[in-house]
PDB file of all heavy atoms in Angstrom:
ATOM      1  N   ARG A   1     203.471 128.863  -3.078  1.00  0.00           N
ATOM      2  CA  ARG A   1     203.343 129.342  -4.422  1.00  0.00           C
ATOM      3  C   ARG A   1     204.101 128.449  -5.416  1.00  0.00           C
ATOM      4  O   ARG A   1     203.638 128.062  -6.478  1.00  0.00           O
ATOM      5  CB  ARG A   1     203.710 130.698  -4.533  1.00  0.00           C
ATOM      6  CG  ARG A   1     202.720 131.686  -3.833  1.00  0.00           C
ATOM      7  CD  ARG A   1     203.298 133.139  -4.015  1.00  0.00           C
ATOM      8  NE  ARG A   1     202.295 134.107  -3.576  1.00  0.00           N
ATOM      9  CZ  ARG A   1     202.202 134.626  -2.242  1.00  0.00           C
ATOM     10  NH1 ARG A   1     203.016 134.143  -1.386  1.00  0.00           N
ATOM     11  NH2 ARG A   1     201.368 135.532  -1.913  1.00  0.00           N
ATOM     12  N   SER A   2     205.404 128.130  -4.977  1.00  0.00           N
ATOM     13  CA  SER A   2     206.134 127.278  -5.768  1.00  0.00           C
ATOM     14  C   SER A   2     205.613 125.939  -5.964  1.00  0.00           C
ATOM     15  O   SER A   2     205.574 125.302  -7.038  1.00  0.00           O
ATOM     16  CB  SER A   2     207.635 127.124  -5.142  1.00  0.00           C
ATOM     17  OG  SER A   2     208.397 126.330  -5.946  1.00  0.00           O
ATOM     18  N   ALA A   3     205.025 125.396  -4.845  1.00  0.00           N
ATOM     19  CA  ALA A   3     204.403 124.117  -4.906  1.00  0.00           C
ATOM     20  C   ALA A   3     203.212 124.063  -5.727  1.00  0.00           C
ATOM     21  O   ALA A   3     202.899 123.049  -6.471  1.00  0.00           O
ATOM     22  CB  ALA A   3     204.070 123.466  -3.535  1.00  0.00           C
ATOM     23  N   ILE A   4     202.396 125.138  -5.687  1.00  0.00           N
ATOM     24  CA  ILE A   4     201.183 125.165  -6.484  1.00  0.00           C
ATOM     25  C   ILE A   4     201.563 125.188  -8.015  1.00  0.00           C
ATOM     26  O   ILE A   4     200.892 124.482  -8.790  1.00  0.00           O
ATOM     27  CB  ILE A   4     200.474 126.467  -6.096  1.00  0.00           C
ATOM     28  CG1 ILE A   4     199.767 126.335  -4.763  1.00  0.00           C
ATOM     29  CG2 ILE A   4     199.380 126.830  -7.220  1.00  0.00           C
ATOM     30  CD1 ILE A   4     199.214 127.709  -4.200  1.00  0.00           C
ATOM     31  N   LEU A   5     202.592 126.058  -8.463  1.00  0.00           N
ATOM     32  CA  LEU A   5     202.856 125.988  -9.805  1.00  0.00           C
ATOM     33  C   LEU A   5     203.476 124.700 -10.207  1.00  0.00           C
ATOM     34  O   LEU A   5     203.208 124.237 -11.314  1.00  0.00           O
ATOM     35  CB  LEU A   5     203.953 127.153 -10.008  1.00  0.00           C
ATOM     36  CG  LEU A   5     204.310 127.312 -11.489  1.00  0.00           C
ATOM     37  CD1 LEU A   5     203.197 127.457 -12.463  1.00  0.00           C
ATOM     38  CD2 LEU A   5     205.394 128.529 -11.624  1.00  0.00           C
ATOM     39  N   SER A   6     204.244 124.042  -9.534  1.00  0.00           N
ATOM     40  CA  SER A   6     204.912 122.778  -9.945  1.00  0.00           C
ATOM     41  C   SER A   6     203.847 121.649  -9.978  1.00  0.00           C
ATOM     42  O   SER A   6     203.804 120.892 -10.897  1.00  0.00           O
ATOM     43  CB  SER A   6     206.038 122.364  -8.958  1.00  0.00           C
ATOM     44  OG  SER A   6     205.521 122.041  -7.731  1.00  0.00           O
ATOM     45  N   THR A   7     202.801 121.716  -8.998  1.00  0.00           N
ATOM     46  CA  THR A   7     201.769 120.727  -9.024  1.00  0.00           C
ATOM     47  C   THR A   7     200.854 120.917 -10.186  1.00  0.00           C
ATOM     48  O   THR A   7     200.489 120.000 -10.836  1.00  0.00           O
ATOM     49  CB  THR A   7     201.039 120.939  -7.730  1.00  0.00           C
ATOM     50  OG1 THR A   7     201.797 120.614  -6.572  1.00  0.00           O
ATOM     51  CG2 THR A   7     199.834 119.824  -7.708  1.00  0.00           C
ATOM     52  N   ALA A   8     200.566 122.162 -10.612  1.00  0.00           N
ATOM     53  CA  ALA A   8     199.789 122.407 -11.788  1.00  0.00           C
ATOM     54  C   ALA A   8     200.440 122.014 -12.986  1.00  0.00           C
ATOM     55  O   ALA A   8     199.799 121.344 -13.905  1.00  0.00           O
ATOM     56  CB  ALA A   8     199.496 123.944 -11.862  1.00  0.00           C
ATOM     57  N   PHE A   9     201.707 122.232 -13.111  1.00  0.00           N
ATOM     58  CA  PHE A   9     202.528 121.790 -14.325  1.00  0.00           C
ATOM     59  C   PHE A   9     202.611 120.342 -14.517  1.00  0.00           C
ATOM     60  O   PHE A   9     202.442 119.717 -15.568  1.00  0.00           O
ATOM     61  CB  PHE A   9     203.914 122.445 -14.412  1.00  0.00           C
ATOM     62  CG  PHE A   9     204.658 122.093 -15.605  1.00  0.00           C
ATOM     63  CD1 PHE A   9     204.261 122.696 -16.869  1.00  0.00           C
ATOM     64  CD2 PHE A   9     205.703 121.206 -15.672  1.00  0.00           C
ATOM     65  CE1 PHE A   9     204.988 122.367 -18.033  1.00  0.00           C
ATOM     66  CE2 PHE A   9     206.331 120.892 -16.791  1.00  0.00           C
ATOM     67  CZ  PHE A   9     206.016 121.465 -17.975  1.00  0.00           C
ATOM     68  N   ARG A  10     202.749 119.660 -13.280  1.00  0.00           N
ATOM     69  CA  ARG A  10     202.782 118.241 -13.310  1.00  0.00           C
ATOM     70  C   ARG A  10     201.395 117.699 -13.798  1.00  0.00           C
ATOM     71  O   ARG A  10     201.440 116.672 -14.593  1.00  0.00           O
ATOM     72  CB  ARG A  10     203.124 117.684 -11.968  1.00  0.00           C
ATOM     73  CG  ARG A  10     203.360 116.212 -11.817  1.00  0.00           C
ATOM     74  CD  ARG A  10     204.024 115.775 -10.507  1.00  0.00           C
ATOM     75  NE  ARG A  10     203.246 116.222  -9.395  1.00  0.00           N
ATOM     76  CZ  ARG A  10     203.666 117.045  -8.484  1.00  0.00           C
ATOM     77  NH1 ARG A  10     204.897 117.635  -8.514  1.00  0.00           N
ATOM     78  NH2 ARG A  10     202.890 117.415  -7.382  1.00  0.00           N
ATOM     79  N   SER A  11     200.317 118.172 -13.321  1.00  0.00           N
ATOM     80  CA  SER A  11     198.997 117.729 -13.834  1.00  0.00           C
ATOM     81  C   SER A  11     198.821 118.059 -15.289  1.00  0.00           C
ATOM     82  O   SER A  11     198.263 117.238 -15.943  1.00  0.00           O
ATOM     83  CB  SER A  11     197.925 118.481 -12.949  1.00  0.00           C
ATOM     84  OG  SER A  11     198.072 118.251 -11.611  1.00  0.00           O
ATOM     85  N   TYR A  12     199.345 119.266 -15.743  1.00  0.00           N
ATOM     86  CA  TYR A  12     199.283 119.581 -17.169  1.00  0.00           C
ATOM     87  C   TYR A  12     200.034 118.580 -18.033  1.00  0.00           C
ATOM     88  O   TYR A  12     199.582 118.127 -19.040  1.00  0.00           O
ATOM     89  CB  TYR A  12     199.758 120.953 -17.347  1.00  0.00           C
ATOM     90  CG  TYR A  12     200.160 121.346 -18.719  1.00  0.00           C
ATOM     91  CD1 TYR A  12     199.222 121.692 -19.626  1.00  0.00           C
ATOM     92  CD2 TYR A  12     201.447 121.439 -19.111  1.00  0.00           C
ATOM     93  CE1 TYR A  12     199.576 122.037 -20.990  1.00  0.00           C
ATOM     94  CE2 TYR A  12     201.883 121.735 -20.417  1.00  0.00           C
ATOM     95  CZ  TYR A  12     200.846 122.153 -21.317  1.00  0.00           C
ATOM     96  OH  TYR A  12     201.253 122.417 -22.620  1.00  0.00           O
ATOM     97  N   GLN A  13     201.175 118.171 -17.564  1.00  0.00           N
ATOM     98  CA  GLN A  13     202.038 117.213 -18.261  1.00  0.00           C
ATOM     99  C   GLN A  13     201.285 115.853 -18.424  1.00  0.00           C
ATOM    100  O   GLN A  13     201.535 115.161 -19.363  1.00  0.00           O
ATOM    101  CB  GLN A  13     203.293 117.008 -17.538  1.00  0.00           C
ATOM    102  CG  GLN A  13     204.323 118.147 -17.777  1.00  0.00           C
ATOM    103  CD  GLN A  13     205.720 117.771 -17.302  1.00  0.00           C
ATOM    104  OE1 GLN A  13     205.862 117.459 -16.191  1.00  0.00           O
ATOM    105  NE2 GLN A  13     206.735 117.902 -18.119  1.00  0.00           N
ATOM    106  N   GLN A  14     200.426 115.597 -17.451  1.00  0.00           N
ATOM    107  CA  GLN A  14     199.743 114.237 -17.383  1.00  0.00           C
ATOM    108  C   GLN A  14     198.296 114.399 -18.147  1.00  0.00           C
ATOM    109  O   GLN A  14     197.470 113.530 -18.033  1.00  0.00           O
ATOM    110  CB  GLN A  14     199.393 113.836 -16.035  1.00  0.00           C
ATOM    111  CG  GLN A  14     200.796 113.503 -15.184  1.00  0.00           C
ATOM    112  CD  GLN A  14     200.643 113.299 -13.737  1.00  0.00           C
ATOM    113  OE1 GLN A  14     199.545 113.553 -13.174  1.00  0.00           O
ATOM    114  NE2 GLN A  14     201.632 112.867 -13.140  1.00  0.00           N
ATOM    115  N   ASN A  15     198.232 115.503 -18.879  1.00  0.00           N
ATOM    116  CA  ASN A  15     197.042 115.833 -19.749  1.00  0.00           C
ATOM    117  C   ASN A  15     195.780 115.792 -18.882  1.00  0.00           C
ATOM    118  O   ASN A  15     194.703 115.488 -19.387  1.00  0.00           O
ATOM    119  CB  ASN A  15     196.914 114.692 -20.818  1.00  0.00           C
ATOM    120  CG  ASN A  15     197.985 114.745 -21.823  1.00  0.00           C
ATOM    121  OD1 ASN A  15     198.429 115.721 -22.241  1.00  0.00           O
ATOM    122  ND2 ASN A  15     198.534 113.512 -22.122  1.00  0.00           N
ATOM    123  N   LYS A  16     195.839 116.396 -17.681  1.00  0.00           N
ATOM    124  CA  LYS A  16     194.742 116.573 -16.865  1.00  0.00           C
ATOM    125  C   LYS A  16     194.226 117.953 -16.958  1.00  0.00           C
ATOM    126  O   LYS A  16     194.974 118.922 -17.239  1.00  0.00           O
ATOM    127  CB  LYS A  16     194.980 116.303 -15.375  1.00  0.00           C
ATOM    128  CG  LYS A  16     195.352 114.861 -15.130  1.00  0.00           C
ATOM    129  CD  LYS A  16     195.864 114.693 -13.664  1.00  0.00           C
ATOM    130  CE  LYS A  16     196.193 113.188 -13.432  1.00  0.00           C
ATOM    131  NZ  LYS A  16     196.750 112.920 -12.084  1.00  0.00           N
ATOM    132  N   GLU A  17     192.963 118.270 -16.775  1.00  0.00           N
ATOM    133  CA  GLU A  17     192.341 119.569 -16.833  1.00  0.00           C
ATOM    134  C   GLU A  17     192.125 120.156 -15.510  1.00  0.00           C
ATOM    135  O   GLU A  17     191.565 121.291 -15.371  1.00  0.00           O
ATOM    136  CB  GLU A  17     190.932 119.494 -17.647  1.00  0.00           C
ATOM    137  CG  GLU A  17     191.221 119.070 -19.036  1.00  0.00           C
ATOM    138  CD  GLU A  17     189.916 119.050 -19.758  1.00  0.00           C
ATOM    139  OE1 GLU A  17     188.794 119.266 -19.170  1.00  0.00           O
ATOM    140  OE2 GLU A  17     189.962 118.927 -21.039  1.00  0.00           O
ATOM    141  N   TYR A  18     192.706 119.528 -14.446  1.00  0.00           N
ATOM    142  CA  TYR A  18     192.535 119.996 -13.032  1.00  0.00           C
ATOM    143  C   TYR A  18     193.835 119.676 -12.363  1.00  0.00           C
ATOM    144  O   TYR A  18     194.658 118.833 -12.827  1.00  0.00           O
ATOM    145  CB  TYR A  18     191.318 119.355 -12.381  1.00  0.00           C
ATOM    146  CG  TYR A  18     191.453 117.862 -12.420  1.00  0.00           C
ATOM    147  CD1 TYR A  18     192.010 117.160 -11.330  1.00  0.00           C
ATOM    148  CD2 TYR A  18     191.003 117.097 -13.464  1.00  0.00           C
ATOM    149  CE1 TYR A  18     192.135 115.761 -11.350  1.00  0.00           C
ATOM    150  CE2 TYR A  18     191.108 115.682 -13.347  1.00  0.00           C
ATOM    151  CZ  TYR A  18     191.632 115.018 -12.442  1.00  0.00           C
ATOM    152  OH  TYR A  18     191.801 113.693 -12.380  1.00  0.00           O
ATOM    153  N   MET A  19     194.019 120.259 -11.205  1.00  0.00           N
ATOM    154  CA  MET A  19     195.179 120.032 -10.392  1.00  0.00           C
ATOM    155  C   MET A  19     195.034 119.093  -9.344  1.00  0.00           C
ATOM    156  O   MET A  19     194.035 119.171  -8.597  1.00  0.00           O
ATOM    157  CB  MET A  19     195.709 121.418  -9.883  1.00  0.00           C
ATOM    158  CG  MET A  19     196.977 121.347  -9.058  1.00  0.00           C
ATOM    159  SD  MET A  19     197.589 123.017  -8.742  1.00  0.00           S
ATOM    160  CE  MET A  19     196.201 123.888  -7.977  1.00  0.00           C
ATOM    161  N   ASP A  20     195.862 118.062  -9.281  1.00  0.00           N
ATOM    162  CA  ASP A  20     195.897 117.094  -8.136  1.00  0.00           C
ATOM    163  C   ASP A  20     197.273 116.845  -7.758  1.00  0.00           C
ATOM    164  O   ASP A  20     198.300 117.228  -8.471  1.00  0.00           O
ATOM    165  CB  ASP A  20     195.054 115.869  -8.412  1.00  0.00           C
ATOM    166  CG  ASP A  20     195.671 114.998  -9.603  1.00  0.00           C
ATOM    167  OD1 ASP A  20     196.722 115.408 -10.011  1.00  0.00           O
ATOM    168  OD2 ASP A  20     195.113 114.074  -9.918  1.00  0.00           O
ATOM    169  N   ILE A  21     197.452 116.339  -6.510  1.00  0.00           N
ATOM    170  CA  ILE A  21     198.883 116.152  -6.081  1.00  0.00           C
ATOM    171  C   ILE A  21     199.520 115.001  -6.827  1.00  0.00           C
ATOM    172  O   ILE A  21     200.646 115.047  -7.223  1.00  0.00           O
ATOM    173  CB  ILE A  21     198.862 115.778  -4.414  1.00  0.00           C
ATOM    174  CG1 ILE A  21     198.268 116.933  -3.703  1.00  0.00           C
ATOM    175  CG2 ILE A  21     200.239 115.548  -4.051  1.00  0.00           C
ATOM    176  CD1 ILE A  21     198.190 116.714  -2.236  1.00  0.00           C
ATOM    177  N   THR A  22     198.753 113.874  -6.954  1.00  0.00           N
ATOM    178  CA  THR A  22     199.156 112.898  -7.790  1.00  0.00           C
ATOM    179  C   THR A  22     197.942 112.002  -8.134  1.00  0.00           C
ATOM    180  O   THR A  22     196.856 112.410  -7.673  1.00  0.00           O
ATOM    181  CB  THR A  22     200.232 111.906  -7.152  1.00  0.00           C
ATOM    182  OG1 THR A  22     200.729 111.034  -7.997  1.00  0.00           O
ATOM    183  CG2 THR A  22     199.746 111.249  -5.870  1.00  0.00           C
ATOM    184  N   ASP A  23     198.018 110.928  -8.820  1.00  0.00           N
ATOM    185  CA  ASP A  23     196.912 110.164  -9.267  1.00  0.00           C
ATOM    186  C   ASP A  23     196.048 109.821  -7.933  1.00  0.00           C
ATOM    187  O   ASP A  23     196.542 109.207  -7.044  1.00  0.00           O
ATOM    188  CB  ASP A  23     197.237 108.857  -9.922  1.00  0.00           C
ATOM    189  CG  ASP A  23     197.769 109.187 -11.400  1.00  0.00           C
ATOM    190  OD1 ASP A  23     197.393 110.276 -11.902  1.00  0.00           O
ATOM    191  OD2 ASP A  23     198.503 108.343 -11.944  1.00  0.00           O
ATOM    192  N   ASN A  24     194.712 110.089  -8.041  1.00  0.00           N
ATOM    193  CA  ASN A  24     193.782 109.722  -7.043  1.00  0.00           C
ATOM    194  C   ASN A  24     194.032 110.380  -5.616  1.00  0.00           C
ATOM    195  O   ASN A  24     193.361 110.008  -4.685  1.00  0.00           O
ATOM    196  CB  ASN A  24     193.699 108.184  -6.821  1.00  0.00           C
ATOM    197  CG  ASN A  24     193.451 107.378  -8.085  1.00  0.00           C
ATOM    198  OD1 ASN A  24     192.563 107.817  -8.943  1.00  0.00           O
ATOM    199  ND2 ASN A  24     194.177 106.388  -8.396  1.00  0.00           N
ATOM    200  N   VAL A  25     194.772 111.395  -5.600  1.00  0.00           N
ATOM    201  CA  VAL A  25     195.056 112.190  -4.361  1.00  0.00           C
ATOM    202  C   VAL A  25     194.800 113.628  -4.679  1.00  0.00           C
ATOM    203  O   VAL A  25     195.424 114.365  -5.438  1.00  0.00           O
ATOM    204  CB  VAL A  25     196.441 112.044  -3.778  1.00  0.00           C
ATOM    205  CG1 VAL A  25     196.688 112.834  -2.575  1.00  0.00           C
ATOM    206  CG2 VAL A  25     196.853 110.536  -3.643  1.00  0.00           C
ATOM    207  N   ASP A  26     193.664 114.130  -4.055  1.00  0.00           N
ATOM    208  CA  ASP A  26     193.160 115.402  -4.341  1.00  0.00           C
ATOM    209  C   ASP A  26     194.148 116.546  -3.679  1.00  0.00           C
ATOM    210  O   ASP A  26     194.925 116.181  -2.764  1.00  0.00           O
ATOM    211  CB  ASP A  26     191.786 115.592  -3.794  1.00  0.00           C
ATOM    212  CG  ASP A  26     191.060 116.800  -4.309  1.00  0.00           C
ATOM    213  OD1 ASP A  26     191.700 117.478  -5.096  1.00  0.00           O
ATOM    214  OD2 ASP A  26     190.007 117.111  -3.710  1.00  0.00           O
ATOM    215  N   ILE A  27     194.085 117.779  -4.070  1.00  0.00           N
ATOM    216  CA  ILE A  27     194.879 118.778  -3.418  1.00  0.00           C
ATOM    217  C   ILE A  27     194.236 119.213  -2.145  1.00  0.00           C
ATOM    218  O   ILE A  27     194.910 120.062  -1.387  1.00  0.00           O
ATOM    219  CB  ILE A  27     195.084 120.028  -4.270  1.00  0.00           C
ATOM    220  CG1 ILE A  27     193.711 120.645  -4.751  1.00  0.00           C
ATOM    221  CG2 ILE A  27     195.815 119.612  -5.648  1.00  0.00           C
ATOM    222  CD1 ILE A  27     193.826 121.977  -5.437  1.00  0.00           C
ATOM    223  N   PHE A  28     192.955 118.737  -1.832  1.00  0.00           N
ATOM    224  CA  PHE A  28     192.323 119.135  -0.630  1.00  0.00           C
ATOM    225  C   PHE A  28     192.282 117.908   0.260  1.00  0.00           C
ATOM    226  O   PHE A  28     192.135 116.766  -0.181  1.00  0.00           O
ATOM    227  CB  PHE A  28     190.934 119.579  -0.910  1.00  0.00           C
ATOM    228  CG  PHE A  28     190.799 120.779  -1.786  1.00  0.00           C
ATOM    229  CD1 PHE A  28     190.322 120.734  -3.078  1.00  0.00           C
ATOM    230  CD2 PHE A  28     191.301 122.012  -1.360  1.00  0.00           C
ATOM    231  CE1 PHE A  28     190.284 121.917  -3.891  1.00  0.00           C
ATOM    232  CE2 PHE A  28     191.214 123.153  -2.137  1.00  0.00           C
ATOM    233  CZ  PHE A  28     190.676 123.077  -3.356  1.00  0.00           C
ATOM    234  N   PRO A  29     192.271 118.211   1.645  1.00  0.00           N
ATOM    235  CA  PRO A  29     192.170 117.027   2.641  1.00  0.00           C
ATOM    236  C   PRO A  29     190.889 116.278   2.464  1.00  0.00           C
ATOM    237  O   PRO A  29     189.934 116.731   1.688  1.00  0.00           O
ATOM    238  CB  PRO A  29     192.148 117.808   3.914  1.00  0.00           C
ATOM    239  CG  PRO A  29     192.813 119.213   3.593  1.00  0.00           C
ATOM    240  CD  PRO A  29     192.303 119.481   2.299  1.00  0.00           C
ATOM    241  N   ASP A  30     190.944 115.111   3.037  1.00  0.00           N
ATOM    242  CA  ASP A  30     189.702 114.188   2.960  1.00  0.00           C
ATOM    243  C   ASP A  30     188.538 114.894   3.575  1.00  0.00           C
ATOM    244  O   ASP A  30     188.568 115.747   4.384  1.00  0.00           O
ATOM    245  CB  ASP A  30     190.025 112.914   3.845  1.00  0.00           C
ATOM    246  CG  ASP A  30     191.203 112.216   3.412  1.00  0.00           C
ATOM    247  OD1 ASP A  30     191.699 112.394   2.220  1.00  0.00           O
ATOM    248  OD2 ASP A  30     191.850 111.479   4.073  1.00  0.00           O
TER     249      ASP A  30
END
């Protein structure tokens, strides 16, 4: 839960409208 919130906020800070782990890396496995 903590990781989900921090990941979402990091995506929000990067002006994204969706959550990803980092650029070009999805939150879901390949």
